[in-house]
N, C-alpha and C. Protein backbone atom coordinates (compact mmCIF):
# COMPACT_ATOMS: atom_id res chain seq x y z
N MET A 1 -6.56 2.61 16.01
CA MET A 1 -5.44 2.71 15.21
C MET A 1 -3.92 1.89 15.97
N LYS A 2 -3.68 3.24 17.15
CA LYS A 2 -2.30 3.18 17.64
C LYS A 2 -2.47 1.55 18.14
N LYS A 3 -3.60 0.71 18.60
CA LYS A 3 -3.73 -0.56 18.91
C LYS A 3 -3.19 -1.21 18.30
N ILE A 4 -3.84 -1.14 16.70
CA ILE A 4 -3.25 -2.18 15.73
C ILE A 4 -1.56 -1.94 15.04
N LEU A 5 -1.10 -0.74 15.83
CA LEU A 5 0.26 -0.49 15.26
C LEU A 5 1.19 -0.72 16.52
N THR A 6 0.77 -1.54 17.32
CA THR A 6 1.36 -1.74 18.70
C THR A 6 1.33 -2.92 18.60
N ILE A 7 0.37 -3.50 18.78
CA ILE A 7 0.04 -5.17 18.01
C ILE A 7 1.08 -5.87 16.86
N ALA A 8 1.01 -4.96 16.13
CA ALA A 8 1.84 -5.20 14.62
C ALA A 8 2.94 -5.20 15.08
N VAL A 9 4.00 -4.10 15.60
CA VAL A 9 4.94 -4.06 15.90
C VAL A 9 5.65 -5.35 17.13
N MET A 10 4.60 -5.34 18.15
CA MET A 10 4.65 -6.83 19.27
C MET A 10 4.91 -8.05 18.49
N THR A 11 4.27 -8.17 17.61
CA THR A 11 4.28 -9.17 16.69
C THR A 11 5.78 -9.35 16.23
N ILE A 12 6.11 -8.95 15.34
CA ILE A 12 7.78 -8.73 14.70
C ILE A 12 8.55 -9.11 15.55
N VAL A 13 8.79 -7.96 16.89
CA VAL A 13 9.77 -8.49 18.39
C VAL A 13 9.07 -9.67 18.66
N PHE A 14 8.23 -10.29 19.00
CA PHE A 14 8.07 -11.70 19.58
C PHE A 14 8.73 -12.24 18.94
N ALA A 15 7.91 -12.43 17.48
CA ALA A 15 8.67 -13.95 16.59
C ALA A 15 10.18 -13.40 16.10
N ALA A 16 11.20 -12.60 16.60
CA ALA A 16 12.13 -12.02 16.12
C ALA A 16 12.89 -12.49 17.58
N ASN A 17 12.52 -13.19 18.64
CA ASN A 17 12.88 -13.39 19.80
C ASN A 17 12.53 -15.56 19.51
N GLY A 18 11.50 -15.57 19.01
CA GLY A 18 11.36 -17.37 18.74
C GLY A 18 12.22 -17.93 17.77
N PHE A 19 12.68 -17.02 16.89
CA PHE A 19 13.46 -17.22 15.43
C PHE A 19 14.93 -16.67 16.08
N ALA A 20 15.38 -16.83 17.02
CA ALA A 20 16.54 -15.82 17.76
C ALA A 20 18.02 -16.20 17.11
N GLN A 21 17.74 -17.53 16.07
CA GLN A 21 19.22 -17.84 15.66
C GLN A 21 18.95 -17.44 14.42
N ASP A 22 17.94 -17.44 13.57
CA ASP A 22 18.23 -16.54 12.48
C ASP A 22 17.19 -16.46 11.72
N TYR A 23 16.93 -14.68 11.92
CA TYR A 23 16.27 -13.90 11.35
C TYR A 23 17.18 -12.35 11.24
N THR A 24 16.62 -11.51 10.27
CA THR A 24 16.62 -10.40 10.22
C THR A 24 15.96 -9.30 10.39
N LEU A 25 16.37 -8.07 10.97
CA LEU A 25 15.14 -7.07 10.96
C LEU A 25 15.14 -6.31 10.11
N GLY A 26 14.67 -5.39 9.35
CA GLY A 26 15.00 -4.49 8.14
C GLY A 26 14.12 -3.19 8.18
N VAL A 27 14.70 -2.48 7.32
CA VAL A 27 13.84 -1.05 7.09
C VAL A 27 13.84 -1.24 5.94
N ARG A 28 12.73 -0.32 5.64
CA ARG A 28 12.16 -0.27 3.82
C ARG A 28 11.60 1.09 4.07
N VAL A 29 12.39 1.63 2.56
CA VAL A 29 11.66 2.78 1.78
C VAL A 29 11.34 2.61 0.32
N GLY A 30 10.56 3.48 -0.31
CA GLY A 30 10.63 3.43 -1.40
C GLY A 30 8.92 3.80 -2.20
N MET A 31 8.83 3.65 -3.31
CA MET A 31 7.68 4.45 -3.95
C MET A 31 6.43 3.47 -4.48
N ASN A 32 5.35 3.77 -4.59
CA ASN A 32 4.09 3.10 -4.58
C ASN A 32 3.72 4.03 -5.78
N VAL A 33 3.35 3.25 -6.90
CA VAL A 33 2.74 3.67 -8.14
C VAL A 33 1.52 2.89 -7.98
N ALA A 34 0.35 3.71 -7.77
CA ALA A 34 -1.01 3.42 -7.29
C ALA A 34 -2.55 3.68 -8.21
N ASN A 35 -2.90 2.79 -8.12
CA ASN A 35 -4.01 3.32 -8.81
C ASN A 35 -5.48 2.79 -8.39
N ILE A 36 -6.92 2.91 -8.88
CA ILE A 36 -7.76 2.35 -8.39
C ILE A 36 -8.38 1.75 -9.60
N LEU A 37 -8.57 0.26 -9.19
CA LEU A 37 -9.16 -0.79 -9.99
C LEU A 37 -10.38 -1.48 -9.78
N GLY A 38 -11.52 -2.15 -10.49
CA GLY A 38 -12.63 -2.11 -10.89
C GLY A 38 -13.50 -1.63 -11.86
N ASP A 39 -14.95 -0.87 -11.35
CA ASP A 39 -15.64 0.01 -12.19
C ASP A 39 -14.84 1.07 -12.41
N PHE A 40 -14.26 1.36 -11.72
CA PHE A 40 -13.46 2.85 -11.52
C PHE A 40 -12.71 3.18 -12.49
N SER A 41 -11.84 1.54 -13.15
CA SER A 41 -10.48 2.15 -13.93
C SER A 41 -11.36 1.83 -15.42
N ASP A 42 -12.34 2.26 -15.33
CA ASP A 42 -13.33 2.80 -17.11
C ASP A 42 -12.85 4.32 -16.97
N ALA A 43 -12.92 4.81 -16.30
CA ALA A 43 -13.21 6.31 -15.93
C ALA A 43 -11.55 6.96 -16.68
N ASP A 44 -10.15 5.92 -17.16
CA ASP A 44 -9.50 6.57 -17.41
C ASP A 44 -8.36 7.68 -16.47
N TYR A 45 -8.73 7.12 -15.09
CA TYR A 45 -7.53 7.24 -14.35
C TYR A 45 -6.36 7.42 -14.26
N SER A 46 -5.26 7.75 -13.52
CA SER A 46 -3.97 7.67 -13.84
C SER A 46 -3.45 7.25 -12.90
N ALA A 47 -2.04 6.36 -12.52
CA ALA A 47 -1.47 6.47 -11.62
C ALA A 47 -0.87 7.49 -10.54
N LYS A 48 -1.22 7.36 -9.13
CA LYS A 48 -0.66 8.24 -8.07
C LYS A 48 0.54 8.11 -7.97
N LEU A 49 1.93 8.69 -7.33
CA LEU A 49 2.99 8.20 -6.87
C LEU A 49 2.76 8.52 -5.43
N GLY A 50 3.36 7.74 -4.46
CA GLY A 50 3.62 8.13 -3.06
C GLY A 50 4.79 7.61 -2.47
N LEU A 51 5.36 8.33 -1.41
CA LEU A 51 6.76 7.79 -0.59
C LEU A 51 6.05 6.64 0.63
N LYS A 52 6.35 5.15 0.61
CA LYS A 52 6.11 4.34 1.47
C LYS A 52 7.35 3.94 2.24
N ALA A 53 7.03 3.28 3.27
CA ALA A 53 8.45 3.15 4.30
C ALA A 53 7.41 2.23 5.49
N GLY A 54 8.67 1.23 5.89
CA GLY A 54 8.35 0.25 7.08
C GLY A 54 9.35 -0.44 7.78
N ILE A 55 8.78 -1.18 8.62
CA ILE A 55 10.25 -2.52 8.71
C ILE A 55 9.44 -3.54 8.57
N VAL A 56 10.34 -5.13 8.55
CA VAL A 56 9.72 -5.89 8.12
C VAL A 56 10.70 -6.91 9.29
N GLY A 57 10.67 -8.14 9.52
CA GLY A 57 11.30 -9.30 10.06
C GLY A 57 10.86 -10.44 9.12
N CYS A 58 12.37 -10.85 9.39
CA CYS A 58 12.41 -12.07 7.92
C CYS A 58 12.78 -13.15 8.77
N PHE A 59 12.10 -14.17 9.16
CA PHE A 59 12.33 -15.91 9.83
C PHE A 59 13.03 -16.80 8.83
N ASN A 60 13.79 -17.25 9.44
CA ASN A 60 13.79 -18.32 8.95
C ASN A 60 12.89 -19.83 9.04
N LEU A 61 12.44 -20.70 8.76
CA LEU A 61 11.58 -21.57 8.46
C LEU A 61 12.01 -22.89 8.28
N ASP A 62 12.43 -23.20 7.01
CA ASP A 62 13.37 -23.99 6.97
C ASP A 62 13.99 -24.25 5.85
N GLY A 63 15.72 -24.31 5.87
CA GLY A 63 16.06 -24.18 4.57
C GLY A 63 16.12 -22.81 3.90
N ASP A 64 15.95 -22.77 2.55
CA ASP A 64 15.47 -21.78 1.76
C ASP A 64 14.67 -21.06 2.33
N PHE A 65 13.83 -21.55 2.76
CA PHE A 65 12.25 -20.65 3.12
C PHE A 65 12.08 -19.82 4.11
N TYR A 66 11.66 -18.77 4.24
CA TYR A 66 11.35 -17.60 5.00
C TYR A 66 9.93 -17.51 5.66
N LEU A 67 9.44 -16.74 6.33
CA LEU A 67 8.38 -16.19 6.77
C LEU A 67 8.83 -14.29 7.18
N GLU A 68 8.09 -13.76 6.36
CA GLU A 68 8.40 -11.91 6.34
C GLU A 68 7.12 -11.21 6.95
N PRO A 69 7.01 -11.07 7.92
CA PRO A 69 5.93 -10.21 8.12
C PRO A 69 6.21 -8.40 8.31
N GLY A 70 5.70 -7.85 7.90
CA GLY A 70 6.16 -6.30 8.14
C GLY A 70 4.67 -5.19 8.88
N ILE A 71 5.14 -4.12 8.65
CA ILE A 71 4.17 -3.00 9.02
C ILE A 71 5.08 -1.83 8.27
N TYR A 72 3.79 -1.55 7.35
CA TYR A 72 4.12 0.03 6.37
C TYR A 72 3.24 0.97 6.40
N PHE A 73 3.51 2.51 6.09
CA PHE A 73 3.05 3.35 5.68
C PHE A 73 2.80 3.21 4.42
N ALA A 74 1.80 3.36 3.82
CA ALA A 74 1.46 2.81 1.95
C ALA A 74 0.36 3.70 1.92
N PRO A 75 0.98 4.92 0.69
CA PRO A 75 0.06 5.77 0.33
C PRO A 75 -0.77 5.01 -1.09
N LYS A 76 -1.84 5.34 -1.36
CA LYS A 76 -2.67 4.32 -2.58
C LYS A 76 -3.52 5.87 -2.73
N GLY A 77 -4.41 5.31 -4.13
CA GLY A 77 -5.22 6.18 -4.63
C GLY A 77 -4.91 6.47 -6.61
N ALA A 78 -5.32 7.50 -6.31
CA ALA A 78 -5.88 7.92 -8.22
C ALA A 78 -5.44 9.03 -8.07
N LYS A 79 -5.37 9.21 -9.70
CA LYS A 79 -5.54 10.98 -10.20
C LYS A 79 -6.03 11.19 -11.55
N LYS A 80 -6.66 12.05 -12.34
CA LYS A 80 -7.18 12.54 -13.55
C LYS A 80 -7.45 13.85 -13.48
N GLU A 81 -6.59 14.95 -14.66
CA GLU A 81 -6.50 15.69 -14.92
C GLU A 81 -6.87 15.94 -16.18
N TYR A 82 -8.04 16.94 -16.50
CA TYR A 82 -8.66 16.97 -18.04
C TYR A 82 -9.52 18.38 -18.09
N LYS A 83 -10.39 18.60 -18.86
CA LYS A 83 -10.84 19.87 -19.29
C LYS A 83 -12.16 19.35 -19.54
N ASP A 84 -13.18 19.97 -18.88
CA ASP A 84 -14.72 19.56 -19.22
C ASP A 84 -15.31 20.47 -20.35
N ILE A 85 -16.41 19.48 -20.61
CA ILE A 85 -17.22 20.64 -21.51
C ILE A 85 -17.15 21.89 -21.76
N ALA A 86 -17.63 22.54 -20.79
CA ALA A 86 -17.35 24.14 -20.69
C ALA A 86 -15.51 24.65 -20.67
N GLY A 87 -14.82 23.54 -20.76
CA GLY A 87 -13.48 24.50 -20.83
C GLY A 87 -12.59 24.40 -19.46
N ASN A 88 -13.49 24.27 -18.43
CA ASN A 88 -12.63 24.29 -16.98
C ASN A 88 -11.88 23.31 -16.61
N ASN A 89 -11.10 23.78 -16.22
CA ASN A 89 -9.26 22.74 -15.60
C ASN A 89 -9.77 21.70 -14.59
N ILE A 90 -10.05 20.54 -14.39
CA ILE A 90 -10.61 19.81 -13.77
C ILE A 90 -9.24 18.82 -13.35
N LYS A 91 -9.15 18.80 -11.57
CA LYS A 91 -8.46 17.84 -11.09
C LYS A 91 -8.73 16.87 -10.31
N ASP A 92 -8.91 15.76 -10.69
CA ASP A 92 -9.90 14.95 -9.21
C ASP A 92 -8.88 13.66 -8.72
N ILE A 93 -8.75 13.60 -7.55
CA ILE A 93 -7.40 13.24 -7.21
C ILE A 93 -8.21 12.52 -5.72
N TYR A 94 -7.59 11.75 -5.64
CA TYR A 94 -8.31 9.99 -4.36
C TYR A 94 -6.54 10.41 -3.60
N ASN A 95 -6.55 10.98 -3.00
CA ASN A 95 -5.27 10.25 -2.03
C ASN A 95 -6.07 9.33 -0.79
N LEU A 96 -5.07 8.24 -0.30
CA LEU A 96 -6.11 7.19 0.44
C LEU A 96 -4.42 6.93 0.84
N ASN A 97 -4.42 7.09 2.21
CA ASN A 97 -3.31 6.59 2.98
C ASN A 97 -3.34 5.83 4.20
N TYR A 98 -2.68 4.21 3.61
CA TYR A 98 -2.92 3.03 4.97
C TYR A 98 -1.81 2.78 5.54
N LEU A 99 -2.30 2.38 6.91
CA LEU A 99 -0.97 1.35 7.79
C LEU A 99 -1.34 -0.34 6.91
N GLU A 100 0.08 -0.53 6.23
CA GLU A 100 -0.49 -2.01 5.68
C GLU A 100 0.72 -2.76 6.19
N ILE A 101 -0.25 -4.19 6.58
CA ILE A 101 1.02 -5.09 7.24
C ILE A 101 0.66 -6.39 6.31
N PRO A 102 1.82 -6.57 5.52
CA PRO A 102 1.98 -7.82 4.72
C PRO A 102 2.52 -8.93 5.68
N VAL A 103 2.20 -10.04 5.22
CA VAL A 103 2.54 -11.58 5.43
C VAL A 103 3.11 -12.37 4.47
N ASN A 104 4.54 -12.22 4.11
CA ASN A 104 5.00 -12.81 2.70
C ASN A 104 5.63 -13.99 3.40
N ALA A 105 5.54 -14.91 2.46
CA ALA A 105 6.42 -16.71 2.10
C ALA A 105 7.44 -15.77 1.75
N VAL A 106 8.70 -16.11 1.43
CA VAL A 106 10.08 -15.94 1.09
C VAL A 106 10.53 -17.11 0.10
N TYR A 107 10.78 -17.38 -0.84
CA TYR A 107 12.50 -18.41 -0.95
C TYR A 107 13.57 -17.77 -1.21
N LYS A 108 14.54 -18.11 -0.69
CA LYS A 108 15.79 -17.78 -1.07
C LYS A 108 16.96 -18.40 -1.55
N TYR A 109 17.51 -17.51 -2.93
CA TYR A 109 18.57 -18.69 -3.55
C TYR A 109 19.83 -18.00 -3.70
N GLU A 110 20.49 -18.00 -2.89
CA GLU A 110 22.24 -17.72 -2.47
C GLU A 110 22.98 -18.30 -3.84
N ILE A 111 23.33 -17.08 -4.45
CA ILE A 111 24.37 -17.06 -5.72
C ILE A 111 25.42 -17.15 -5.00
N ASN A 112 26.18 -16.11 -3.91
CA ASN A 112 26.99 -16.04 -3.38
C ASN A 112 27.30 -15.60 -1.89
N SER A 113 28.25 -15.29 -1.57
CA SER A 113 27.79 -15.18 0.22
C SER A 113 27.80 -13.44 0.41
N ASN A 114 27.48 -12.74 -0.66
CA ASN A 114 26.97 -11.50 -0.63
C ASN A 114 26.10 -11.08 -1.89
N LEU A 115 25.62 -12.25 -2.32
CA LEU A 115 24.02 -11.69 -3.55
C LEU A 115 23.02 -12.75 -3.58
N THR A 116 22.08 -12.52 -3.17
CA THR A 116 20.88 -13.72 -2.67
C THR A 116 19.96 -12.85 -3.58
N VAL A 117 19.19 -14.01 -4.47
CA VAL A 117 17.89 -13.57 -4.97
C VAL A 117 16.72 -14.13 -4.25
N ARG A 118 15.70 -13.11 -4.52
CA ARG A 118 14.35 -13.73 -3.47
C ARG A 118 13.09 -13.63 -4.23
N GLY A 119 12.28 -14.34 -3.71
CA GLY A 119 10.81 -14.10 -4.40
C GLY A 119 9.83 -14.45 -3.26
N PHE A 120 8.54 -13.72 -3.31
CA PHE A 120 7.95 -13.77 -1.96
C PHE A 120 6.62 -13.54 -2.79
N ALA A 121 5.43 -13.97 -1.87
CA ALA A 121 4.16 -14.32 -1.93
C ALA A 121 3.33 -14.22 -1.08
N GLY A 122 2.17 -13.53 -0.72
CA GLY A 122 1.93 -13.38 0.78
C GLY A 122 0.22 -12.17 0.81
N PRO A 123 -0.43 -12.65 1.98
CA PRO A 123 -1.52 -11.31 1.70
C PRO A 123 -1.07 -10.39 2.56
N TYR A 124 -1.91 -9.12 2.38
CA TYR A 124 -1.61 -8.21 2.83
C TYR A 124 -3.14 -7.71 3.62
N PHE A 125 -3.12 -6.87 4.99
CA PHE A 125 -3.85 -6.30 5.33
C PHE A 125 -4.13 -4.83 5.58
N GLY A 126 -4.79 -4.19 5.39
CA GLY A 126 -4.70 -2.51 5.39
C GLY A 126 -5.89 -1.76 5.95
N PHE A 127 -5.53 -0.83 6.62
CA PHE A 127 -6.72 0.41 7.98
C PHE A 127 -5.80 1.50 7.05
N GLY A 128 -7.53 1.82 6.95
CA GLY A 128 -7.40 3.30 6.38
C GLY A 128 -6.68 4.51 7.13
N MET A 129 -6.25 4.92 7.35
CA MET A 129 -5.51 6.17 8.47
C MET A 129 -6.28 7.48 8.16
N PHE A 130 -5.75 8.01 7.07
CA PHE A 130 -6.31 9.17 6.53
C PHE A 130 -6.37 9.47 5.22
N GLY A 131 -7.21 10.32 4.74
CA GLY A 131 -6.84 10.57 2.97
C GLY A 131 -8.24 11.46 2.63
N ARG A 132 -8.00 11.88 1.16
CA ARG A 132 -9.20 12.78 1.09
C ARG A 132 -9.37 12.44 -0.56
N HIS A 133 -10.75 12.63 -1.12
CA HIS A 133 -10.95 12.98 -2.53
C HIS A 133 -10.88 14.23 -2.61
N LYS A 134 -10.21 14.94 -3.68
CA LYS A 134 -9.88 16.78 -3.66
C LYS A 134 -10.90 16.91 -5.61
N TYR A 135 -11.54 17.44 -5.66
CA TYR A 135 -12.01 17.53 -7.33
C TYR A 135 -11.90 18.92 -7.13
N GLU A 136 -11.21 19.64 -7.68
CA GLU A 136 -10.70 20.96 -8.02
C GLU A 136 -10.99 21.38 -9.58
N VAL A 137 -11.39 22.68 -9.76
CA VAL A 137 -12.06 23.29 -10.62
C VAL A 137 -11.48 24.81 -11.57
N ASN A 138 -10.05 24.74 -11.84
CA ASN A 138 -9.61 25.63 -12.12
C ASN A 138 -9.03 26.13 -11.05
N GLY A 139 -8.57 25.28 -9.98
CA GLY A 139 -7.81 25.46 -9.22
C GLY A 139 -7.77 25.68 -7.76
N SER A 140 -9.67 25.19 -7.97
CA SER A 140 -10.51 25.51 -6.40
C SER A 140 -10.96 24.31 -6.19
N ALA A 141 -11.11 23.81 -4.73
CA ALA A 141 -11.79 23.17 -4.24
C ALA A 141 -13.19 23.15 -3.57
N LYS A 142 -13.63 24.91 -3.63
CA LYS A 142 -14.67 25.41 -2.73
C LYS A 142 -15.50 25.21 -3.49
N ASP A 143 -16.96 24.69 -2.76
CA ASP A 143 -18.07 24.25 -3.50
C ASP A 143 -18.56 25.42 -4.23
N LYS A 144 -18.28 26.91 -4.08
CA LYS A 144 -18.98 27.99 -4.54
C LYS A 144 -18.29 27.82 -6.14
N ASP A 145 -17.31 27.13 -6.30
CA ASP A 145 -16.51 27.11 -7.57
C ASP A 145 -16.84 25.54 -8.02
N GLY A 146 -17.74 25.25 -7.85
CA GLY A 146 -17.94 23.64 -8.49
C GLY A 146 -16.72 22.54 -7.82
N GLY A 147 -15.91 22.61 -6.93
CA GLY A 147 -15.28 21.75 -6.50
C GLY A 147 -15.74 20.93 -5.11
N LYS A 148 -15.04 20.27 -4.40
CA LYS A 148 -15.34 19.67 -3.09
C LYS A 148 -13.95 19.19 -3.02
N LYS A 149 -13.91 18.60 -1.23
CA LYS A 149 -12.94 18.35 -0.45
C LYS A 149 -13.33 17.26 0.30
N GLN A 150 -13.25 15.90 0.12
CA GLN A 150 -14.11 15.25 1.05
C GLN A 150 -12.89 14.09 1.90
N LYS A 151 -12.98 14.00 3.04
CA LYS A 151 -12.34 13.21 3.79
C LYS A 151 -12.67 11.88 3.37
N ALA A 152 -11.78 10.37 3.36
CA ALA A 152 -11.96 9.56 2.65
C ALA A 152 -12.53 8.11 3.25
N PHE A 153 -12.23 8.58 5.10
CA PHE A 153 -12.51 7.49 5.86
C PHE A 153 -13.62 7.99 6.41
N SER A 154 -13.92 8.51 6.32
CA SER A 154 -15.20 9.81 7.77
C SER A 154 -16.67 9.02 7.06
N SER A 155 -17.45 8.69 8.36
CA SER A 155 -18.86 7.39 8.03
C SER A 155 -19.61 9.14 7.47
N LYS A 156 -19.52 10.55 7.94
CA LYS A 156 -20.73 11.05 7.39
C LYS A 156 -20.90 11.72 6.41
N ALA A 157 -22.11 12.27 6.23
CA ALA A 157 -22.96 12.15 4.94
C ALA A 157 -22.18 12.83 3.89
N THR A 158 -21.04 14.20 4.52
CA THR A 158 -20.98 14.86 3.41
C THR A 158 -19.73 13.94 3.08
N GLU A 159 -19.22 12.81 3.82
CA GLU A 159 -17.78 12.68 3.30
C GLU A 159 -17.74 11.26 2.54
N CYS A 160 -16.60 11.12 1.97
CA CYS A 160 -16.38 10.02 0.93
C CYS A 160 -17.11 8.06 1.59
N ASN A 161 -16.64 8.19 3.07
CA ASN A 161 -17.42 6.75 3.52
C ASN A 161 -17.32 5.67 2.82
N TYR A 162 -15.04 5.43 2.77
CA TYR A 162 -14.86 4.65 2.17
C TYR A 162 -14.40 3.51 3.48
N GLN A 163 -14.88 1.94 3.05
CA GLN A 163 -14.41 1.07 3.86
C GLN A 163 -12.97 1.35 4.23
N GLN A 164 -12.76 1.43 5.70
CA GLN A 164 -11.33 1.56 6.08
C GLN A 164 -10.71 0.00 6.03
N PHE A 165 -11.14 -1.06 6.25
CA PHE A 165 -10.17 -2.27 6.15
C PHE A 165 -10.17 -2.90 4.57
N ASP A 166 -8.78 -2.94 4.15
CA ASP A 166 -8.44 -3.44 2.89
C ASP A 166 -7.85 -4.94 3.50
N PHE A 167 -8.09 -5.85 2.45
CA PHE A 167 -7.40 -7.00 1.93
C PHE A 167 -6.67 -7.75 1.02
N GLY A 168 -5.62 -8.03 0.74
CA GLY A 168 -5.18 -8.33 -0.61
C GLY A 168 -3.98 -9.29 -0.76
N MET A 169 -3.35 -9.03 -1.86
CA MET A 169 -1.86 -10.41 -2.04
C MET A 169 -1.17 -9.75 -2.82
N ASN A 170 0.53 -9.59 -2.20
CA ASN A 170 1.46 -9.47 -2.92
C ASN A 170 1.98 -10.43 -3.67
N ILE A 171 2.99 -9.68 -4.42
CA ILE A 171 3.64 -10.62 -5.27
C ILE A 171 4.95 -9.98 -5.43
N GLY A 172 6.08 -10.76 -5.91
CA GLY A 172 7.16 -9.82 -6.15
C GLY A 172 8.69 -10.25 -6.07
N GLY A 173 9.66 -10.10 -5.89
CA GLY A 173 11.28 -10.55 -5.92
C GLY A 173 12.10 -9.67 -5.52
N GLY A 174 13.20 -9.88 -5.36
CA GLY A 174 14.53 -8.99 -4.86
C GLY A 174 15.48 -9.43 -5.23
N LEU A 175 16.49 -8.27 -4.71
CA LEU A 175 17.86 -8.83 -4.49
C LEU A 175 18.43 -8.36 -3.02
N GLU A 176 19.22 -9.27 -2.52
CA GLU A 176 20.12 -8.77 -1.71
C GLU A 176 21.48 -8.77 -1.54
N PHE A 177 22.31 -7.69 -1.86
CA PHE A 177 23.66 -7.33 -1.76
C PHE A 177 24.12 -7.26 -0.20
N SER A 178 24.78 -7.87 0.58
CA SER A 178 24.98 -8.17 1.83
C SER A 178 24.35 -7.98 2.69
N VAL A 179 23.87 -6.56 3.33
CA VAL A 179 23.20 -6.23 3.84
C VAL A 179 21.77 -5.09 3.23
N CYS A 180 22.24 -4.83 1.95
CA CYS A 180 20.99 -4.11 1.08
C CYS A 180 20.37 -4.75 0.28
N TYR A 181 18.79 -4.64 0.13
CA TYR A 181 18.06 -4.90 0.09
C TYR A 181 17.24 -4.08 -1.42
N LEU A 182 16.93 -4.41 -2.39
CA LEU A 182 16.46 -4.30 -3.95
C LEU A 182 15.28 -4.94 -4.26
N GLY A 183 13.83 -4.36 -4.02
CA GLY A 183 13.03 -5.16 -4.85
C GLY A 183 11.38 -4.62 -5.56
N ILE A 184 10.98 -5.67 -5.80
CA ILE A 184 9.76 -4.60 -6.65
C ILE A 184 8.57 -5.93 -6.43
N GLN A 185 7.62 -5.35 -6.51
CA GLN A 185 6.15 -6.16 -6.26
C GLN A 185 4.98 -5.38 -6.56
N TYR A 186 4.27 -6.33 -6.67
CA TYR A 186 2.77 -5.75 -7.02
C TYR A 186 1.64 -6.19 -6.34
N GLY A 187 0.94 -5.28 -5.38
CA GLY A 187 -0.17 -5.68 -4.54
C GLY A 187 -1.47 -5.63 -5.23
N MET A 188 -2.42 -6.54 -5.16
CA MET A 188 -3.35 -6.29 -5.25
C MET A 188 -4.80 -6.14 -4.17
N GLY A 189 -5.93 -5.24 -4.41
CA GLY A 189 -6.85 -5.35 -3.05
C GLY A 189 -7.54 -6.15 -3.37
N PHE A 190 -8.49 -6.99 -2.67
CA PHE A 190 -9.68 -7.91 -3.39
C PHE A 190 -10.92 -6.65 -2.69
N LEU A 191 -10.68 -6.20 -1.94
CA LEU A 191 -11.82 -5.68 -1.69
C LEU A 191 -12.82 -4.59 -2.15
N ASN A 192 -13.99 -4.23 -2.06
CA ASN A 192 -14.34 -3.04 -2.89
C ASN A 192 -14.40 -1.85 -1.28
N PHE A 193 -13.42 -0.87 -1.64
CA PHE A 193 -13.81 0.43 -0.25
C PHE A 193 -14.47 0.98 -0.87
N ASN A 194 -15.34 0.95 -1.82
CA ASN A 194 -16.72 1.70 -1.83
C ASN A 194 -17.96 1.22 -1.41
N SER A 195 -17.94 -0.18 -0.72
CA SER A 195 -18.73 -0.89 -0.69
C SER A 195 -20.01 -0.15 0.20
N LYS A 196 -19.77 0.64 1.11
CA LYS A 196 -20.84 1.57 1.71
C LYS A 196 -21.38 2.32 1.36
N ASN A 197 -20.84 2.48 0.15
CA ASN A 197 -21.67 4.11 -0.72
C ASN A 197 -22.42 2.98 -1.65
N ASP A 198 -21.80 2.18 -2.87
CA ASP A 198 -22.68 1.74 -3.76
C ASP A 198 -21.61 0.12 -3.75
N LYS A 199 -22.06 -0.78 -3.39
CA LYS A 199 -21.84 -2.27 -3.66
C LYS A 199 -21.68 -2.38 -5.01
N ASP A 200 -22.31 -2.33 -5.75
CA ASP A 200 -22.39 -2.44 -7.03
C ASP A 200 -21.48 -1.53 -7.90
N TYR A 201 -20.86 -0.74 -7.28
CA TYR A 201 -20.00 0.03 -8.23
C TYR A 201 -18.29 -0.01 -7.06
N LYS A 202 -17.59 -1.13 -8.20
CA LYS A 202 -16.54 -1.61 -7.20
C LYS A 202 -15.33 -0.38 -7.33
N MET A 203 -14.68 -0.46 -6.47
CA MET A 203 -13.40 0.17 -6.36
C MET A 203 -12.06 -0.09 -5.68
N ARG A 204 -11.26 -1.23 -5.89
CA ARG A 204 -10.37 -1.64 -5.01
C ARG A 204 -8.96 -1.28 -5.39
N ASN A 205 -8.27 -1.20 -4.82
CA ASN A 205 -6.85 -1.01 -4.69
C ASN A 205 -5.63 -1.87 -5.64
N GLY A 206 -4.94 -0.93 -6.55
CA GLY A 206 -3.92 -1.83 -7.21
C GLY A 206 -2.61 -0.89 -7.06
N VAL A 207 -1.61 -1.63 -6.75
CA VAL A 207 -0.14 -1.03 -6.28
C VAL A 207 0.98 -1.67 -6.88
N PHE A 208 1.74 -1.05 -7.65
CA PHE A 208 3.47 -1.54 -8.34
C PHE A 208 4.06 -0.92 -7.04
N ALA A 209 5.28 -1.29 -7.11
CA ALA A 209 6.12 -0.47 -5.82
C ALA A 209 7.91 -0.97 -5.96
N VAL A 210 8.76 -0.33 -5.82
CA VAL A 210 9.97 -0.33 -6.01
C VAL A 210 10.42 -0.34 -4.49
N GLU A 211 11.42 -1.03 -4.02
CA GLU A 211 11.39 -1.05 -2.60
C GLU A 211 13.21 -0.56 -2.37
N PHE A 212 14.15 -0.23 -1.62
CA PHE A 212 15.50 -0.05 -0.95
C PHE A 212 15.37 -0.18 0.66
N GLY A 213 16.09 -0.37 0.72
CA GLY A 213 16.14 -1.16 2.17
C GLY A 213 17.59 -1.87 2.83
N VAL A 214 17.85 -1.68 4.16
CA VAL A 214 18.70 -2.03 4.97
C VAL A 214 18.43 -3.39 6.23
N ASN A 215 19.25 -4.58 5.85
CA ASN A 215 18.89 -5.16 7.29
C ASN A 215 20.14 -5.39 8.23
N PHE A 216 19.56 -5.70 9.24
CA PHE A 216 20.38 -5.64 10.39
C PHE A 216 20.31 -7.16 11.31
């Protein structure tokens, strides 16, 4: 994981040197509103909120067109709270945390010297870092109480054994106010991260995000 992080940061830095005449570096923070798609979505789970953060580099290609790679900490997952037929209070929570590397193609339209509108789309590559599936019964995740707590990306038989690599597509838009940035996006995962357990029971990431940032 450290190698992946180092490579991603070095790619942004070296790209910045190659586009030294027209590039910006940006810091981004925001809120992920995540859910799990596929067959899992039939289980009536709700969105899970999480704080995302990262850095991006935006490099001019030609005219109003730009390339923007980045690297983010991106929390994902889903949750559900309900009462079972025995009257127990159940909390079923999936906390999945990824290192995510988006590579977006960006189009910018300048309204005036202080305001620019932008739209973007592109693939992302995700790497599961850590996470848990927690199933609580009346506030307890202990086996003796009927609950369980499993590591998300561990390959042990007693853990979730989810696929660490994720791949999908982002699409979104935003506004740049001088050096400030405000944007929204939706990211849809293409891969079934449950494939090691049951390739026919599909679980994919889906995330709506709002971002704030500063460009340098």
